[in-house]
PDB file of N, CA and C in Angstrom:
ATOM      1  N   MET A   1       0.829  -1.017   0.374  1.00  0.00           N
ATOM      2  CA  MET A   1      -0.355  -0.254   0.085  1.00  0.00           C
ATOM      3  C   MET A   1       0.896   1.290   0.437  1.00  0.00           C
ATOM      4  N   THR A   2       1.026   2.354  -0.304  1.00  0.00           N
ATOM      5  CA  THR A   2       0.687   3.468  -0.417  1.00  0.00           C
ATOM      6  C   THR A   2       1.140   3.878   0.756  1.00  0.00           C
ATOM      7  N   ILE A   3       1.941   5.311   0.810  1.00  0.00           N
ATOM      8  CA  ILE A   3       0.883   6.455   1.772  1.00  0.00           C
ATOM      9  C   ILE A   3      -0.589   6.708   1.913  1.00  0.00           C
ATOM     10  N   ALA A   4      -0.678   6.973  -0.182  1.00  0.00           N
ATOM     11  CA  ALA A   4      -1.959   7.976  -0.588  1.00  0.00           C
ATOM     12  C   ALA A   4      -2.934   7.013  -0.147  1.00  0.00           C
ATOM     13  N   SER A   5      -2.737   6.017  -0.643  1.00  0.00           N
ATOM     14  CA  SER A   5      -3.740   5.259  -0.380  1.00  0.00           C
ATOM     15  C   SER A   5      -3.919   4.486   1.585  1.00  0.00           C
ATOM     16  N   ASN A   6      -2.837   4.363   2.148  1.00  0.00           N
ATOM     17  CA  ASN A   6      -3.514   4.781   4.038  1.00  0.00           C
ATOM     18  C   ASN A   6      -3.815   5.346   4.842  1.00  0.00           C
ATOM     19  N   LEU A   7      -3.498   7.127   4.060  1.00  0.00           N
ATOM     20  CA  LEU A   7      -4.794   7.964   4.031  1.00  0.00           C
ATOM     21  C   LEU A   7      -5.675   7.690   3.892  1.00  0.00           C
ATOM     22  N   ALA A   8      -6.158   7.387   2.739  1.00  0.00           N
ATOM     23  CA  ALA A   8      -7.734   7.737   2.241  1.00  0.00           C
ATOM     24  C   ALA A   8      -8.601   6.644   3.527  1.00  0.00           C
ATOM     25  N   THR A   9      -7.571   5.399   3.465  1.00  0.00           N
ATOM     26  CA  THR A   9      -8.405   4.333   4.029  1.00  0.00           C
ATOM     27  C   THR A   9      -8.669   4.632   5.211  1.00  0.00           C
ATOM     28  N   ILE A  10      -7.629   5.431   6.683  1.00  0.00           N
ATOM     29  CA  ILE A  10      -7.419   6.286   7.599  1.00  0.00           C
ATOM     30  C   ILE A  10      -8.825   7.380   7.327  1.00  0.00           C
ATOM     31  N   HIS A  11      -8.190   8.196   6.800  1.00  0.00           N
ATOM     32  CA  HIS A  11      -9.870   9.005   7.145  1.00  0.00           C
ATOM     33  C   HIS A  11     -11.097   8.796   6.582  1.00  0.00           C
ATOM     34  N   ASP A  12     -10.970   7.646   6.209  1.00  0.00           N
ATOM     35  CA  ASP A  12     -12.508   6.510   6.141  1.00  0.00           C
ATOM     36  C   ASP A  12     -13.122   5.882   6.602  1.00  0.00           C
ATOM     37  N   ARG A  13     -11.628   5.516   7.745  1.00  0.00           N
ATOM     38  CA  ARG A  13     -12.194   4.837   9.532  1.00  0.00           C
ATOM     39  C   ARG A  13     -12.777   6.423  10.129  1.00  0.00           C
ATOM     40  N   ILE A  14     -11.537   7.305   9.943  1.00  0.00           N
ATOM     41  CA  ILE A  14     -12.672   8.294  11.138  1.00  0.00           C
ATOM     42  C   ILE A  14     -14.005   8.820  10.732  1.00  0.00           C
ATOM     43  N   ALA A  15     -14.126   9.312   8.986  1.00  0.00           N
ATOM     44  CA  ALA A  15     -15.570  10.035   9.224  1.00  0.00           C
ATOM     45  C   ALA A  15     -16.052   8.991   9.337  1.00  0.00           C
ATOM     46  N   ALA A  16     -15.905   7.811   9.087  1.00  0.00           N
ATOM     47  CA  ALA A  16     -17.367   6.635  10.047  1.00  0.00           C
ATOM     48  C   ALA A  16     -16.737   6.750  11.528  1.00  0.00           C
ATOM     49  N   ALA A  17     -16.060   6.230  12.060  1.00  0.00           N
ATOM     50  CA  ALA A  17     -16.412   6.401  13.861  1.00  0.00           C
ATOM     51  C   ALA A  17     -16.513   7.737  13.579  1.00  0.00           C
ATOM     52  N   ALA A  18     -16.201   9.213  13.431  1.00  0.00           N
ATOM     53  CA  ALA A  18     -17.042  10.024  13.940  1.00  0.00           C
ATOM     54  C   ALA A  18     -18.789   9.808  13.590  1.00  0.00           C
ATOM     55  N   ARG A  19     -19.197   9.511  12.382  1.00  0.00           N
ATOM     56  CA  ARG A  19     -20.653   9.701  12.280  1.00  0.00           C
ATOM     57  C   ARG A  19     -21.066   8.534  12.918  1.00  0.00           C
ATOM     58  N   ARG A  20     -20.588   7.808  13.098  1.00  0.00           N
ATOM     59  CA  ARG A  20     -20.951   6.838  14.725  1.00  0.00           C
ATOM     60  C   ARG A  20     -21.822   7.311  16.075  1.00  0.00           C
ATOM     61  N   ALA A  21     -20.409   8.435  16.258  1.00  0.00           N
ATOM     62  CA  ALA A  21     -20.393   8.976  17.625  1.00  0.00           C
ATOM     63  C   ALA A  21     -21.601  10.525  17.654  1.00  0.00           C
ATOM     64  N   GLY A  22     -21.633  10.790  16.626  1.00  0.00           N
ATOM     65  CA  GLY A  22     -22.332  11.353  16.306  1.00  0.00           C
ATOM     66  C   GLY A  22     -22.150  13.385  15.990  1.00  0.00           C
ATOM     67  N   ARG A  23     -20.835  12.580  15.212  1.00  0.00           N
ATOM     68  CA  ARG A  23     -19.522  13.388  15.491  1.00  0.00           C
ATOM     69  C   ARG A  23     -20.349  14.143  13.429  1.00  0.00           C
ATOM     70  N   ASP A  24     -18.955  15.633  13.693  1.00  0.00           N
ATOM     71  CA  ASP A  24     -19.296  16.084  11.975  1.00  0.00           C
ATOM     72  C   ASP A  24     -17.633  16.578  11.681  1.00  0.00           C
ATOM     73  N   PRO A  25     -17.995  14.848  10.494  1.00  0.00           N
ATOM     74  CA  PRO A  25     -16.490  13.866  10.430  1.00  0.00           C
ATOM     75  C   PRO A  25     -15.471  15.123   9.416  1.00  0.00           C
ATOM     76  N   GLN A  26     -15.549  16.771   9.301  1.00  0.00           N
ATOM     77  CA  GLN A  26     -15.128  17.469   9.399  1.00  0.00           C
ATOM     78  C   GLN A  26     -14.698  18.868  10.328  1.00  0.00           C
ATOM     79  N   CYS A  27     -14.804  17.597  11.271  1.00  0.00           N
ATOM     80  CA  CYS A  27     -14.223  18.527  12.530  1.00  0.00           C
ATOM     81  C   CYS A  27     -13.287  17.885  12.888  1.00  0.00           C
ATOM     82  N   VAL A  28     -13.049  16.526  12.378  1.00  0.00           N
ATOM     83  CA  VAL A  28     -12.268  15.571  13.630  1.00  0.00           C
ATOM     84  C   VAL A  28     -11.062  15.775  12.171  1.00  0.00           C
ATOM     85  N   ARG A  29      -9.015  16.339  13.008  1.00  0.00           N
ATOM     86  CA  ARG A  29      -8.331  15.906  11.421  1.00  0.00           C
ATOM     87  C   ARG A  29      -7.643  14.991  12.983  1.00  0.00           C
ATOM     88  N   LEU A  30      -6.737  15.210  11.145  1.00  0.00           N
ATOM     89  CA  LEU A  30      -5.220  13.517  11.409  1.00  0.00           C
ATOM     90  C   LEU A  30      -4.540  14.545  11.549  1.00  0.00           C
ATOM     91  N   VAL A  31      -3.717  13.834  12.781  1.00  0.00           N
ATOM     92  CA  VAL A  31      -1.677  14.669  12.520  1.00  0.00           C
ATOM     93  C   VAL A  31      -1.162  13.413  12.364  1.00  0.00           C
ATOM     94  N   ALA A  32      -0.573  13.789  11.935  1.00  0.00           N
ATOM     95  CA  ALA A  32       0.938  12.420  11.369  1.00  0.00           C
ATOM     96  C   ALA A  32       1.791  12.907  12.425  1.00  0.00           C
ATOM     97  N   VAL A  33       2.132  11.515  13.036  1.00  0.00           N
ATOM     98  CA  VAL A  33       3.743  11.624  13.946  1.00  0.00           C
ATOM     99  C   VAL A  33       5.272  11.828  12.842  1.00  0.00           C
ATOM    100  N   THR A  34       5.752  12.320  13.186  1.00  0.00           N
ATOM    101  CA  THR A  34       6.757  12.683  12.624  1.00  0.00           C
ATOM    102  C   THR A  34       8.062  11.957  12.567  1.00  0.00           C
ATOM    103  N   LYS A  35       7.967  12.176  13.538  1.00  0.00           N
ATOM    104  CA  LYS A  35       9.360  12.196  14.251  1.00  0.00           C
ATOM    105  C   LYS A  35      10.647  11.263  13.959  1.00  0.00           C
ATOM    106  N   THR A  36      10.394   9.976  13.887  1.00  0.00           N
ATOM    107  CA  THR A  36      11.071   8.998  13.065  1.00  0.00           C
ATOM    108  C   THR A  36      11.017   8.741  11.285  1.00  0.00           C
ATOM    109  N   LYS A  37      10.468   9.464  10.898  1.00  0.00           N
ATOM    110  CA  LYS A  37       9.861   9.220   9.623  1.00  0.00           C
ATOM    111  C   LYS A  37      11.419  10.284   8.949  1.00  0.00           C
ATOM    112  N   PRO A  38      12.139   9.591   8.095  1.00  0.00           N
ATOM    113  CA  PRO A  38      13.031   9.930   6.831  1.00  0.00           C
ATOM    114  C   PRO A  38      12.085  11.398   6.521  1.00  0.00           C
ATOM    115  N   ALA A  39      12.377  11.779   5.639  1.00  0.00           N
ATOM    116  CA  ALA A  39      12.081  13.994   5.052  1.00  0.00           C
ATOM    117  C   ALA A  39      11.076  13.522   3.589  1.00  0.00           C
ATOM    118  N   ALA A  40      11.277  12.009   2.396  1.00  0.00           N
ATOM    119  CA  ALA A  40      11.088  11.846   1.681  1.00  0.00           C
ATOM    120  C   ALA A  40       9.097  10.920   2.238  1.00  0.00           C
ATOM    121  N   VAL A  41       9.691  10.761   2.802  1.00  0.00           N
ATOM    122  CA  VAL A  41       8.029   9.755   3.650  1.00  0.00           C
ATOM    123  C   VAL A  41       6.730  10.702   3.370  1.00  0.00           C
ATOM    124  N   VAL A  42       7.540  11.960   4.534  1.00  0.00           N
ATOM    125  CA  VAL A  42       6.839  13.324   5.345  1.00  0.00           C
ATOM    126  C   VAL A  42       6.259  14.394   3.740  1.00  0.00           C
ATOM    127  N   ASP A  43       7.402  14.210   2.531  1.00  0.00           N
ATOM    128  CA  ASP A  43       7.192  14.999   1.389  1.00  0.00           C
ATOM    129  C   ASP A  43       6.331  14.420   0.904  1.00  0.00           C
ATOM    130  N   GLU A  44       5.952  12.673   1.427  1.00  0.00           N
ATOM    131  CA  GLU A  44       4.658  11.681   0.501  1.00  0.00           C
ATOM    132  C   GLU A  44       3.395  11.954   0.755  1.00  0.00           C
ATOM    133  N   ALA A  45       3.891  11.884   2.163  1.00  0.00           N
ATOM    134  CA  ALA A  45       2.104  11.985   2.416  1.00  0.00           C
ATOM    135  C   ALA A  45       1.501  13.624   2.510  1.00  0.00           C
ATOM    136  N   ALA A  46       2.651  14.588   2.548  1.00  0.00           N
ATOM    137  CA  ALA A  46       2.308  16.314   1.997  1.00  0.00           C
ATOM    138  C   ALA A  46       1.645  16.018   0.184  1.00  0.00           C
ATOM    139  N   ALA A  47       2.161  15.867  -0.357  1.00  0.00           N
ATOM    140  CA  ALA A  47       1.929  15.348  -1.495  1.00  0.00           C
ATOM    141  C   ALA A  47       0.718  14.947  -1.681  1.00  0.00           C
ATOM    142  N   ALA A  48      -0.087  14.055  -1.528  1.00  0.00           N
ATOM    143  CA  ALA A  48      -1.354  12.620  -0.294  1.00  0.00           C
ATOM    144  C   ALA A  48      -2.445  13.538  -0.188  1.00  0.00           C
ATOM    145  N   GLY A  49      -2.332  15.027   0.451  1.00  0.00           N
ATOM    146  CA  GLY A  49      -3.131  16.103   0.629  1.00  0.00           C
ATOM    147  C   GLY A  49      -2.272  15.449   2.268  1.00  0.00           C
ATOM    148  N   GLN A  50      -2.058  15.405   3.295  1.00  0.00           N
ATOM    149  CA  GLN A  50      -1.997  15.168   4.677  1.00  0.00           C
ATOM    150  C   GLN A  50      -0.749  16.691   4.866  1.00  0.00           C
ATOM    151  N   LEU A  51      -2.119  17.665   5.886  1.00  0.00           N
ATOM    152  CA  LEU A  51      -0.673  19.154   5.831  1.00  0.00           C
ATOM    153  C   LEU A  51      -0.621  18.776   7.035  1.00  0.00           C
ATOM    154  N   LEU A  52      -1.097  18.491   8.132  1.00  0.00           N
ATOM    155  CA  LEU A  52      -0.696  18.318   9.534  1.00  0.00           C
ATOM    156  C   LEU A  52       0.260  17.702   9.580  1.00  0.00           C
ATOM    157  N   PHE A  53       0.847  18.141  11.039  1.00  0.00           N
ATOM    158  CA  PHE A  53       2.094  17.013  11.109  1.00  0.00           C
ATOM    159  C   PHE A  53       2.454  17.318  12.271  1.00  0.00           C
ATOM    160  N   GLY A  54       3.076  16.474  13.205  1.00  0.00           N
ATOM    161  CA  GLY A  54       3.476  16.858  14.228  1.00  0.00           C
ATOM    162  C   GLY A  54       4.349  15.785  14.818  1.00  0.00           C
ATOM    163  N   GLU A  55       5.760  15.953  16.030  1.00  0.00           N
ATOM    164  CA  GLU A  55       5.974  14.720  16.413  1.00  0.00           C
ATOM    165  C   GLU A  55       6.216  14.696  17.531  1.00  0.00           C
ATOM    166  N   THR A  56       6.461  14.208  18.072  1.00  0.00           N
ATOM    167  CA  THR A  56       6.449  13.040  20.059  1.00  0.00           C
ATOM    168  C   THR A  56       7.408  12.820  20.488  1.00  0.00           C
ATOM    169  N   THR A  57       7.082  12.743  21.664  1.00  0.00           N
ATOM    170  CA  THR A  57       8.315  11.624  22.273  1.00  0.00           C
ATOM    171  C   THR A  57       7.745  10.869  23.400  1.00  0.00           C
ATOM    172  N   CYS A  58       8.897   9.573  23.565  1.00  0.00           N
ATOM    173  CA  CYS A  58       7.731   9.083  24.610  1.00  0.00           C
ATOM    174  C   CYS A  58       8.267   9.249  25.562  1.00  0.00           C
ATOM    175  N   ARG A  59       8.005   9.543  27.528  1.00  0.00           N
ATOM    176  CA  ARG A  59       8.495  10.247  28.579  1.00  0.00           C
ATOM    177  C   ARG A  59       7.389   9.158  29.462  1.00  0.00           C
ATOM    178  N   ASN A  60       9.000   8.407  29.620  1.00  0.00           N
ATOM    179  CA  ASN A  60       8.214   7.465  30.795  1.00  0.00           C
ATOM    180  C   ASN A  60       8.123   7.811  31.952  1.00  0.00           C
TER     181      ASN A  60
END
């Protein structure tokens, strides 16, 4: 699967879950975590329409 097809699948699942919860799917945002991903993967996700990115660290 490509990043574009994975994103489409995830957005479909988010929309279905939002509808089941009685929420507007347009009000739910997907934040892609890029901490350990190479720039090429982030570029591919951006080209597929993912424009909200973030980084995270695990704190135990």
